[in-house]
C-alpha atoms as a PDB file:
ATOM      1  CA  MET A   1      -2.683  96.027   0.343  1.00  0.00           C
ATOM      2  CA  SER A   2      -5.546  96.261   2.832  1.00  0.00           C
ATOM      3  CA  ARG A   3      -7.772  98.353   0.560  1.00  0.00           C
ATOM      4  CA  PRO A   4      -7.514 100.028  -2.816  1.00  0.00           C
ATOM      5  CA  PRO A   5      -6.254 103.627  -2.708  1.00  0.00           C
ATOM      6  CA  THR A   6      -9.004 106.232  -2.468  1.00  0.00           C
ATOM      7  CA  GLY A   7      -7.190 109.507  -3.053  1.00  0.00           C
ATOM      8  CA  GLU A   8      -8.200 112.056  -5.639  1.00  0.00           C
ATOM      9  CA  LEU A   9      -6.169 115.037  -6.783  1.00  0.00           C
ATOM     10  CA  PHE A  10      -7.613 118.386  -7.772  1.00  0.00           C
ATOM     11  CA  ARG A  11      -5.528 121.213  -9.183  1.00  0.00           C
ATOM     12  CA  THR A  12      -6.219 124.628  -7.662  1.00  0.00           C
ATOM     13  CA  GLY A  13      -5.014 128.149  -8.350  1.00  0.00           C
ATOM     14  CA  THR A  14      -2.306 127.778  -5.683  1.00  0.00           C
ATOM     15  CA  GLY A  15      -1.289 124.110  -5.969  1.00  0.00           C
ATOM     16  CA  SER A  16      -3.224 120.876  -5.615  1.00  0.00           C
ATOM     17  CA  ASP A  17      -5.651 119.336  -3.153  1.00  0.00           C
ATOM     18  CA  LEU A  18      -5.186 115.695  -2.220  1.00  0.00           C
ATOM     19  CA  VAL A  19      -8.602 114.450  -1.078  1.00  0.00           C
ATOM     20  CA  LEU A  20      -9.381 111.174   0.698  1.00  0.00           C
ATOM     21  CA  THR A  21     -12.781 110.172   2.046  1.00  0.00           C
ATOM     22  CA  ARG A  22     -14.091 107.750   4.616  1.00  0.00           C
ATOM     23  CA  SER A  23     -17.684 107.072   5.701  1.00  0.00           C
ATOM     24  CA  PHE A  24     -18.940 106.131   9.145  1.00  0.00           C
ATOM     25  CA  ARG A  25     -22.332 104.886  10.279  1.00  0.00           C
ATOM     26  CA  ALA A  26     -22.421 107.460  13.067  1.00  0.00           C
ATOM     27  CA  SER A  27     -23.556 110.983  13.779  1.00  0.00           C
ATOM     28  CA  VAL A  28     -21.433 113.901  12.664  1.00  0.00           C
ATOM     29  CA  GLU A  29     -20.938 114.838  16.346  1.00  0.00           C
ATOM     30  CA  ASP A  30     -19.581 111.365  17.133  1.00  0.00           C
ATOM     31  CA  VAL A  31     -17.088 111.459  14.262  1.00  0.00           C
ATOM     32  CA  TRP A  32     -16.131 115.048  15.185  1.00  0.00           C
ATOM     33  CA  GLU A  33     -15.161 113.780  18.627  1.00  0.00           C
ATOM     34  CA  SER A  34     -12.854 111.185  17.029  1.00  0.00           C
ATOM     35  CA  LEU A  35     -11.083 114.017  15.201  1.00  0.00           C
ATOM     36  CA  THR A  36     -10.848 116.524  18.045  1.00  0.00           C
ATOM     37  CA  GLU A  37     -10.772 114.903  21.507  1.00  0.00           C
ATOM     38  CA  PRO A  38      -7.220 114.060  22.714  1.00  0.00           C
ATOM     39  CA  GLU A  39      -8.195 110.643  24.095  1.00  0.00           C
ATOM     40  CA  SER A  40      -9.861 109.797  20.767  1.00  0.00           C
ATOM     41  CA  THR A  41      -7.082 111.112  18.513  1.00  0.00           C
ATOM     42  CA  ALA A  42      -4.569 109.152  20.620  1.00  0.00           C
ATOM     43  CA  ARG A  43      -6.075 105.911  19.299  1.00  0.00           C
ATOM     44  CA  TRP A  44      -5.453 106.666  15.620  1.00  0.00           C
ATOM     45  CA  PHE A  45      -3.011 109.560  15.267  1.00  0.00           C
ATOM     46  CA  GLY A  46      -1.704 110.690  18.609  1.00  0.00           C
ATOM     47  CA  PRO A  47      -2.646 112.706  21.671  1.00  0.00           C
ATOM     48  CA  TRP A  48      -2.502 116.471  21.693  1.00  0.00           C
ATOM     49  CA  GLU A  49      -2.282 119.265  24.215  1.00  0.00           C
ATOM     50  CA  GLY A  50      -2.522 123.034  24.117  1.00  0.00           C
ATOM     51  CA  ASP A  51      -4.834 125.851  23.080  1.00  0.00           C
ATOM     52  CA  ALA A  52      -7.365 124.327  20.668  1.00  0.00           C
ATOM     53  CA  ALA A  53      -9.061 127.626  19.833  1.00  0.00           C
ATOM     54  CA  PRO A  54      -8.825 129.066  16.307  1.00  0.00           C
ATOM     55  CA  GLY A  55      -5.482 130.818  15.998  1.00  0.00           C
ATOM     56  CA  GLY A  56      -4.056 128.728  18.841  1.00  0.00           C
ATOM     57  CA  THR A  57      -1.297 126.144  18.684  1.00  0.00           C
ATOM     58  CA  ILE A  58      -1.417 122.579  19.896  1.00  0.00           C
ATOM     59  CA  LYS A  59       1.326 119.997  20.250  1.00  0.00           C
ATOM     60  CA  VAL A  60       0.462 116.662  18.647  1.00  0.00           C
ATOM     61  CA  GLN A  61       2.402 113.479  19.261  1.00  0.00           C
ATOM     62  CA  MET A  62       2.622 111.303  16.172  1.00  0.00           C
ATOM     63  CA  VAL A  63       2.635 107.956  17.968  1.00  0.00           C
ATOM     64  CA  PHE A  64       2.615 105.838  14.806  1.00  0.00           C
ATOM     65  CA  GLU A  65       5.804 107.421  13.443  1.00  0.00           C
ATOM     66  CA  ASP A  66       9.381 106.419  14.266  1.00  0.00           C
ATOM     67  CA  GLU A  67      10.541 108.045  17.508  1.00  0.00           C
ATOM     68  CA  LYS A  68       6.963 109.311  18.182  1.00  0.00           C
ATOM     69  CA  PRO A  69       7.789 112.992  17.547  1.00  0.00           C
ATOM     70  CA  TRP A  70       5.762 115.958  18.785  1.00  0.00           C
ATOM     71  CA  LEU A  71       4.634 118.468  16.175  1.00  0.00           C
ATOM     72  CA  ASP A  72       3.302 121.999  16.656  1.00  0.00           C
ATOM     73  CA  MET A  73       0.038 122.493  14.782  1.00  0.00           C
ATOM     74  CA  ARG A  74      -1.869 125.725  14.368  1.00  0.00           C
ATOM     75  CA  ILE A  75      -5.675 125.676  14.489  1.00  0.00           C
ATOM     76  CA  ASP A  76      -6.584 127.668  11.386  1.00  0.00           C
ATOM     77  CA  ALA A  77     -10.342 127.040  11.647  1.00  0.00           C
ATOM     78  CA  CYS A  78     -12.615 125.123  13.975  1.00  0.00           C
ATOM     79  CA  GLU A  79     -16.306 125.023  13.094  1.00  0.00           C
ATOM     80  CA  PRO A  80     -17.834 122.170  15.150  1.00  0.00           C
ATOM     81  CA  PRO A  81     -18.939 119.675  14.027  1.00  0.00           C
ATOM     82  CA  ARG A  82     -18.270 120.294  10.333  1.00  0.00           C
ATOM     83  CA  ARG A  83     -14.796 121.714   9.664  1.00  0.00           C
ATOM     84  CA  LEU A  84     -11.348 121.601  11.203  1.00  0.00           C
ATOM     85  CA  ALA A  85      -8.336 123.183   9.469  1.00  0.00           C
ATOM     86  CA  LEU A  86      -4.783 122.754  10.763  1.00  0.00           C
ATOM     87  CA  SER A  87      -1.323 123.725   9.574  1.00  0.00           C
ATOM     88  CA  ALA A  88       2.188 122.764  10.582  1.00  0.00           C
ATOM     89  CA  SER A  89       5.746 123.023   9.338  1.00  0.00           C
ATOM     90  CA  ASP A  90       8.524 120.524   9.859  1.00  0.00           C
ATOM     91  CA  GLU A  91      11.681 119.334   8.106  1.00  0.00           C
ATOM     92  CA  TYR A  92       9.493 117.772   5.379  1.00  0.00           C
ATOM     93  CA  GLY A  93       7.654 120.975   4.517  1.00  0.00           C
ATOM     94  CA  THR A  94       4.398 122.738   5.277  1.00  0.00           C
ATOM     95  CA  TRP A  95       1.257 120.733   6.018  1.00  0.00           C
ATOM     96  CA  ARG A  96      -2.111 122.407   5.439  1.00  0.00           C
ATOM     97  CA  LEU A  97      -4.928 120.033   6.336  1.00  0.00           C
ATOM     98  CA  GLU A  98      -8.709 120.244   6.392  1.00  0.00           C
ATOM     99  CA  MET A  99     -11.251 117.770   7.704  1.00  0.00           C
ATOM    100  CA  LEU A 100     -14.762 118.351   6.413  1.00  0.00           C
ATOM    101  CA  LEU A 101     -17.730 116.388   7.757  1.00  0.00           C
ATOM    102  CA  SER A 102     -21.208 115.957   6.341  1.00  0.00           C
ATOM    103  CA  GLU A 103     -24.048 113.706   7.487  1.00  0.00           C
ATOM    104  CA  ALA A 104     -26.943 112.144   5.603  1.00  0.00           C
ATOM    105  CA  ASP A 105     -29.217 109.232   6.541  1.00  0.00           C
ATOM    106  CA  GLY A 106     -27.158 108.277   9.618  1.00  0.00           C
ATOM    107  CA  VAL A 107     -23.857 108.168   7.718  1.00  0.00           C
ATOM    108  CA  THR A 108     -21.125 110.744   8.244  1.00  0.00           C
ATOM    109  CA  ARG A 109     -18.680 111.360   5.430  1.00  0.00           C
ATOM    110  CA  LEU A 110     -15.194 112.624   6.252  1.00  0.00           C
ATOM    111  CA  ARG A 111     -13.501 114.496   3.451  1.00  0.00           C
ATOM    112  CA  PHE A 112      -9.820 114.800   4.372  1.00  0.00           C
ATOM    113  CA  VAL A 113      -7.921 117.394   2.332  1.00  0.00           C
ATOM    114  CA  GLN A 114      -4.228 118.172   2.230  1.00  0.00           C
ATOM    115  CA  HIS A 115      -3.533 121.401   0.365  1.00  0.00           C
ATOM    116  CA  LEU A 116      -0.292 120.728  -1.509  1.00  0.00           C
ATOM    117  CA  ASP A 117       2.144 123.373  -2.712  1.00  0.00           C
ATOM    118  CA  THR A 118       3.941 120.682  -4.738  1.00  0.00           C
ATOM    119  CA  GLU A 119       3.155 117.115  -5.750  1.00  0.00           C
ATOM    120  CA  GLU A 120       6.781 115.963  -5.425  1.00  0.00           C
ATOM    121  CA  GLU A 121       6.161 113.710  -2.404  1.00  0.00           C
ATOM    122  CA  ILE A 122       2.630 112.543  -3.256  1.00  0.00           C
ATOM    123  CA  GLY A 123       3.870 108.946  -3.621  1.00  0.00           C
ATOM    124  CA  GLU A 124       4.717 108.979   0.084  1.00  0.00           C
ATOM    125  CA  VAL A 125       2.046 111.370   1.375  1.00  0.00           C
ATOM    126  CA  GLY A 126      -0.946 109.623  -0.181  1.00  0.00           C
ATOM    127  CA  PRO A 127      -0.225 106.168   1.258  1.00  0.00           C
ATOM    128  CA  GLY A 128       0.530 107.775   4.632  1.00  0.00           C
ATOM    129  CA  TRP A 129      -2.884 109.432   4.846  1.00  0.00           C
ATOM    130  CA  GLU A 130      -4.595 106.245   3.635  1.00  0.00           C
ATOM    131  CA  TYR A 131      -2.907 104.464   6.547  1.00  0.00           C
ATOM    132  CA  TYR A 132      -3.871 107.088   9.128  1.00  0.00           C
ATOM    133  CA  LEU A 133      -7.486 107.251   7.956  1.00  0.00           C
ATOM    134  CA  ASP A 134      -7.724 103.454   8.115  1.00  0.00           C
ATOM    135  CA  LEU A 135      -6.292 103.671  11.646  1.00  0.00           C
ATOM    136  CA  LEU A 136      -9.212 106.018  12.389  1.00  0.00           C
ATOM    137  CA  VAL A 137     -11.662 103.472  10.959  1.00  0.00           C
ATOM    138  CA  ALA A 138     -10.078 100.677  13.043  1.00  0.00           C
ATOM    139  CA  ALA A 139     -10.105 102.812  16.213  1.00  0.00           C
ATOM    140  CA  ARG A 140     -13.796 103.542  15.715  1.00  0.00           C
ATOM    141  CA  ASP A 141     -15.000 100.048  14.818  1.00  0.00           C
ATOM    142  CA  GLY A 142     -12.619  97.988  16.971  1.00  0.00           C
ATOM    143  CA  SER A 143     -11.018  96.171  14.037  1.00  0.00           C
ATOM    144  CA  PRO A 144      -7.285  95.371  14.081  1.00  0.00           C
ATOM    145  CA  ALA A 145      -4.975  98.273  13.264  1.00  0.00           C
ATOM    146  CA  PRO A 146      -3.609  98.113   9.727  1.00  0.00           C
ATOM    147  CA  ASP A 147       0.055  97.457   8.990  1.00  0.00           C
ATOM    148  CA  PHE A 148       1.828 100.366   7.281  1.00  0.00           C
ATOM    149  CA  ASP A 149       3.693  97.921   5.053  1.00  0.00           C
ATOM    150  CA  ALA A 150       0.377  97.202   3.298  1.00  0.00           C
ATOM    151  CA  TYR A 151       0.228 100.884   2.248  1.00  0.00           C
ATOM    152  CA  TYR A 152       3.766 101.868   1.405  1.00  0.00           C
ATOM    153  CA  PRO A 153       5.322 101.215  -1.045  1.00  0.00           C
ATOM    154  CA  ALA A 154       2.302  99.292  -2.443  1.00  0.00           C
ATOM    155  CA  MET A 155       0.169 102.425  -3.009  1.00  0.00           C
ATOM    156  CA  LYS A 156       2.998 104.653  -4.223  1.00  0.00           C
ATOM    157  CA  PRO A 157       2.509 103.895  -7.955  1.00  0.00           C
ATOM    158  CA  TYR A 158      -1.181 104.809  -7.725  1.00  0.00           C
ATOM    159  CA  TYR A 159      -0.358 108.243  -6.277  1.00  0.00           C
ATOM    160  CA  VAL A 160       2.510 108.915  -8.673  1.00  0.00           C
ATOM    161  CA  GLU A 161       0.172 108.103 -11.584  1.00  0.00           C
ATOM    162  CA  LEU A 162      -2.580 110.213 -10.012  1.00  0.00           C
ATOM    163  CA  ALA A 163      -0.286 113.242 -10.121  1.00  0.00           C
ATOM    164  CA  ALA A 164       0.755 112.484 -13.690  1.00  0.00           C
ATOM    165  CA  ARG A 165      -2.910 112.273 -14.830  1.00  0.00           C
ATOM    166  CA  ALA A 166      -4.330 115.259 -12.940  1.00  0.00           C
END
């Protein structure tokens, strides 16, 4: 395992929020660019194209997944450089994501939230987001990209237990 799991789970009135954080020694504007510019997202998640305005839909290519599928994502909120909310539906369910940025003393904290309707797949979802967020870290600092096998199934027990404890 490349790092210990970082996810936290918070129960809400409508489900649960899976929250993962990463910190960067960079300005909030610089980290925002890594989350929103197609050439930057291509290095850790995948490129995108389309109408990036709130209410618009973009197509995102998930280049680190088998067959590199394209996924339609709706921009639910875009408040530069602090908040981006996206949603999508695919054969695995509905994905409601939020990226929240805050900056203090030259360090920007990314709080990545997936709003879950059910915790059934948390053992797969949690390690997947850990992997993608570490890809973001590697893309930003030039370190080698992590290997997914270090995340799944190694982190699955942590996330299953997290759901059982929450």
